[in-house]
């Protein structure tokens, strides 16, 4: 079976990390982690298993770059209370 490509925004946060670990267990995805700081401690740990690139939700160009190389993109909406 051909692996599908997927990009995860907020990859180093709690939700993003959880999604990545679940996808890794499925063994059906080529995962790209999108993070504001690809040199952070969490990002460096992710780099052992997946591709990590710099992208920011406020920088549309960085998101478009990641979308061009992926079949799926997971975004999270942040709510302020």
N, C-alpha and C. Protein backbone atom coordinates (compact mmCIF):
# COMPACT_ATOMS: atom_id res chain seq x y z
N UNK A 1 0.84 -1.18 0.00
CA UNK A 1 0.00 0.00 0.00
C UNK A 1 0.88 1.24 0.00
N UNK A 2 0.54 2.19 -0.84
CA UNK A 2 1.28 3.44 -0.93
C UNK A 2 0.97 4.32 0.28
N UNK A 3 2.03 4.87 0.88
CA UNK A 3 1.85 5.76 2.01
C UNK A 3 1.36 7.12 1.54
N UNK A 4 0.40 7.70 2.28
CA UNK A 4 -0.09 9.05 2.00
C UNK A 4 0.75 10.04 2.80
N UNK A 5 0.87 11.24 2.27
CA UNK A 5 1.60 12.31 2.94
C UNK A 5 0.64 13.15 3.77
N UNK A 6 1.06 13.54 4.97
CA UNK A 6 0.23 14.36 5.83
C UNK A 6 1.11 15.34 6.59
N UNK A 7 0.63 16.56 6.74
CA UNK A 7 1.33 17.59 7.51
C UNK A 7 0.48 17.93 8.73
N UNK A 8 1.15 18.07 9.87
CA UNK A 8 0.48 18.37 11.13
C UNK A 8 0.94 19.73 11.62
N UNK A 9 0.02 20.69 11.71
CA UNK A 9 0.33 22.00 12.30
C UNK A 9 0.35 21.88 13.82
N UNK A 10 1.18 22.66 14.45
CA UNK A 10 1.28 22.60 15.90
C UNK A 10 1.83 21.28 16.39
N UNK A 11 2.76 20.76 15.65
CA UNK A 11 3.25 19.39 15.88
C UNK A 11 3.92 19.19 17.23
N UNK A 12 4.47 20.24 17.82
CA UNK A 12 5.16 20.07 19.09
C UNK A 12 4.27 20.33 20.30
N UNK A 13 3.03 20.69 20.07
CA UNK A 13 2.09 20.88 21.17
C UNK A 13 1.50 19.56 21.61
N UNK A 14 0.67 19.59 22.66
CA UNK A 14 0.09 18.36 23.18
C UNK A 14 -0.78 17.65 22.16
N UNK A 15 -1.67 18.39 21.50
CA UNK A 15 -2.54 17.75 20.52
C UNK A 15 -1.76 17.27 19.31
N UNK A 16 -0.88 18.10 18.80
CA UNK A 16 -0.10 17.72 17.63
C UNK A 16 0.76 16.50 17.87
N UNK A 17 1.40 16.46 19.04
CA UNK A 17 2.24 15.32 19.39
C UNK A 17 1.39 14.04 19.49
N UNK A 18 0.21 14.16 20.09
CA UNK A 18 -0.68 13.01 20.20
C UNK A 18 -1.12 12.49 18.85
N UNK A 19 -1.46 13.40 17.95
CA UNK A 19 -1.87 13.01 16.60
C UNK A 19 -0.72 12.32 15.89
N UNK A 20 0.47 12.86 16.00
CA UNK A 20 1.64 12.27 15.34
C UNK A 20 1.91 10.86 15.85
N UNK A 21 1.86 10.67 17.17
CA UNK A 21 2.10 9.33 17.72
C UNK A 21 1.05 8.33 17.24
N UNK A 22 -0.20 8.77 17.16
CA UNK A 22 -1.27 7.88 16.66
C UNK A 22 -1.03 7.52 15.20
N UNK A 23 -0.64 8.49 14.39
CA UNK A 23 -0.39 8.22 12.98
C UNK A 23 0.82 7.32 12.78
N UNK A 24 1.85 7.51 13.59
CA UNK A 24 3.03 6.64 13.48
C UNK A 24 2.66 5.18 13.75
N UNK A 25 1.79 4.94 14.70
CA UNK A 25 1.37 3.57 15.01
C UNK A 25 0.63 2.93 13.84
N UNK A 26 -0.07 3.74 13.04
CA UNK A 26 -0.84 3.22 11.91
C UNK A 26 0.07 2.74 10.77
N UNK A 27 1.26 3.30 10.68
CA UNK A 27 2.22 2.94 9.64
C UNK A 27 1.67 3.09 8.23
N UNK A 28 0.82 4.10 8.02
CA UNK A 28 0.22 4.35 6.71
C UNK A 28 0.54 5.75 6.18
N UNK A 29 1.33 6.52 6.93
CA UNK A 29 1.53 7.92 6.60
C UNK A 29 3.00 8.31 6.56
N UNK A 30 3.35 9.16 5.61
CA UNK A 30 4.59 9.92 5.63
C UNK A 30 4.24 11.23 6.30
N UNK A 31 4.78 11.49 7.47
CA UNK A 31 4.36 12.62 8.28
C UNK A 31 5.37 13.75 8.20
N UNK A 32 4.84 14.96 8.03
CA UNK A 32 5.64 16.17 8.13
C UNK A 32 5.09 16.98 9.29
N UNK A 33 5.95 17.31 10.23
CA UNK A 33 5.57 18.12 11.38
C UNK A 33 5.84 19.58 11.07
N UNK A 34 4.83 20.42 11.24
CA UNK A 34 4.97 21.85 11.04
C UNK A 34 5.06 22.52 12.41
N UNK A 35 6.10 23.30 12.61
CA UNK A 35 6.30 23.95 13.90
C UNK A 35 6.97 25.30 13.69
N UNK A 36 6.69 26.23 14.60
CA UNK A 36 7.33 27.55 14.50
C UNK A 36 8.82 27.46 14.75
N UNK A 37 9.25 26.52 15.60
CA UNK A 37 10.66 26.41 15.95
C UNK A 37 11.15 24.98 15.74
N UNK A 38 11.68 24.68 14.56
CA UNK A 38 12.14 23.31 14.27
C UNK A 38 13.38 22.90 15.05
N UNK A 39 13.96 23.81 15.82
CA UNK A 39 15.13 23.48 16.64
C UNK A 39 14.78 23.33 18.12
N UNK A 40 13.49 23.37 18.44
CA UNK A 40 13.09 23.19 19.84
C UNK A 40 13.35 21.75 20.28
N UNK A 41 13.36 21.54 21.58
CA UNK A 41 13.63 20.20 22.11
C UNK A 41 12.63 19.17 21.57
N UNK A 42 11.35 19.54 21.57
CA UNK A 42 10.33 18.60 21.08
C UNK A 42 10.47 18.34 19.59
N UNK A 43 10.79 19.38 18.83
CA UNK A 43 10.96 19.21 17.38
C UNK A 43 12.15 18.30 17.08
N UNK A 44 13.23 18.48 17.83
CA UNK A 44 14.40 17.64 17.61
C UNK A 44 14.10 16.17 17.92
N UNK A 45 13.26 15.91 18.91
CA UNK A 45 12.85 14.53 19.19
C UNK A 45 12.03 13.96 18.03
N UNK A 46 11.14 14.79 17.47
CA UNK A 46 10.32 14.34 16.34
C UNK A 46 11.17 14.03 15.12
N UNK A 47 12.26 14.79 14.92
CA UNK A 47 13.12 14.61 13.75
C UNK A 47 13.73 13.22 13.66
N UNK A 48 13.72 12.49 14.76
CA UNK A 48 14.26 11.14 14.73
C UNK A 48 13.41 10.20 13.89
N UNK A 49 12.10 10.52 13.76
CA UNK A 49 11.17 9.63 13.06
C UNK A 49 10.47 10.25 11.85
N UNK A 50 10.39 11.58 11.81
CA UNK A 50 9.61 12.23 10.75
C UNK A 50 10.30 13.50 10.28
N UNK A 51 9.80 14.05 9.18
CA UNK A 51 10.29 15.31 8.64
C UNK A 51 9.70 16.46 9.46
N UNK A 52 10.52 17.42 9.85
CA UNK A 52 10.07 18.59 10.60
C UNK A 52 10.47 19.84 9.83
N UNK A 53 9.51 20.72 9.57
CA UNK A 53 9.82 21.98 8.88
C UNK A 53 9.21 23.15 9.63
N UNK A 54 9.76 24.33 9.38
CA UNK A 54 9.26 25.53 10.02
C UNK A 54 8.04 26.04 9.27
N UNK A 55 6.97 26.30 10.00
CA UNK A 55 5.76 26.89 9.43
C UNK A 55 5.01 27.56 10.57
N UNK A 56 4.25 28.60 10.24
CA UNK A 56 3.53 29.36 11.25
C UNK A 56 2.14 29.68 10.70
N UNK A 57 1.14 29.56 11.56
CA UNK A 57 -0.24 29.83 11.13
C UNK A 57 -0.44 31.27 10.67
N UNK A 58 0.39 32.20 11.13
CA UNK A 58 0.25 33.59 10.70
C UNK A 58 1.07 33.88 9.44
N UNK A 59 1.81 32.92 8.96
CA UNK A 59 2.61 33.06 7.74
C UNK A 59 2.02 32.14 6.67
N UNK A 60 1.12 32.68 5.88
CA UNK A 60 0.40 31.89 4.89
C UNK A 60 1.35 31.20 3.91
N UNK A 61 2.41 31.89 3.53
CA UNK A 61 3.36 31.30 2.57
C UNK A 61 3.98 30.02 3.12
N UNK A 62 4.28 29.98 4.41
CA UNK A 62 4.88 28.77 4.97
C UNK A 62 3.88 27.62 4.96
N UNK A 63 2.61 27.91 5.14
CA UNK A 63 1.59 26.85 5.08
C UNK A 63 1.38 26.37 3.66
N UNK A 64 1.41 27.28 2.70
CA UNK A 64 1.25 26.88 1.30
C UNK A 64 2.41 26.01 0.85
N UNK A 65 3.62 26.30 1.30
CA UNK A 65 4.78 25.48 0.96
C UNK A 65 4.57 24.06 1.46
N UNK A 66 4.11 23.91 2.70
CA UNK A 66 3.91 22.57 3.23
C UNK A 66 2.77 21.87 2.52
N UNK A 67 1.73 22.57 2.13
CA UNK A 67 0.59 21.95 1.46
C UNK A 67 0.99 21.41 0.09
N UNK A 68 1.95 22.05 -0.57
CA UNK A 68 2.37 21.60 -1.90
C UNK A 68 3.02 20.23 -1.87
N UNK A 69 3.48 19.78 -0.71
CA UNK A 69 4.15 18.48 -0.67
C UNK A 69 3.36 17.43 0.10
N UNK A 70 2.12 17.73 0.47
CA UNK A 70 1.34 16.80 1.27
C UNK A 70 -0.05 16.58 0.69
N UNK A 71 -0.59 15.38 0.94
CA UNK A 71 -1.93 15.05 0.50
C UNK A 71 -2.98 15.57 1.48
N UNK A 72 -2.60 15.66 2.75
CA UNK A 72 -3.52 16.09 3.81
C UNK A 72 -2.81 17.07 4.73
N UNK A 73 -3.59 17.99 5.30
CA UNK A 73 -3.06 18.97 6.23
C UNK A 73 -4.00 19.05 7.42
N UNK A 74 -3.48 18.86 8.63
CA UNK A 74 -4.30 18.96 9.83
C UNK A 74 -4.01 20.29 10.50
N UNK A 75 -5.05 21.11 10.62
CA UNK A 75 -4.97 22.39 11.30
C UNK A 75 -5.79 22.32 12.57
N UNK A 76 -5.39 23.08 13.57
CA UNK A 76 -6.17 23.19 14.79
C UNK A 76 -6.60 24.64 14.94
N UNK A 77 -7.78 24.83 15.48
CA UNK A 77 -8.26 26.18 15.73
C UNK A 77 -8.06 26.49 17.21
N UNK A 78 -7.44 27.61 17.46
CA UNK A 78 -7.21 28.03 18.84
C UNK A 78 -8.35 28.95 19.28
N UNK A 79 -8.93 28.66 20.41
CA UNK A 79 -10.01 29.48 20.94
C UNK A 79 -9.52 30.30 22.12
N UNK A 80 -9.90 31.56 22.15
CA UNK A 80 -9.57 32.41 23.30
C UNK A 80 -10.84 32.60 24.11
N UNK A 81 -10.72 32.44 25.39
CA UNK A 81 -11.86 32.61 26.29
C UNK A 81 -11.68 33.86 27.11
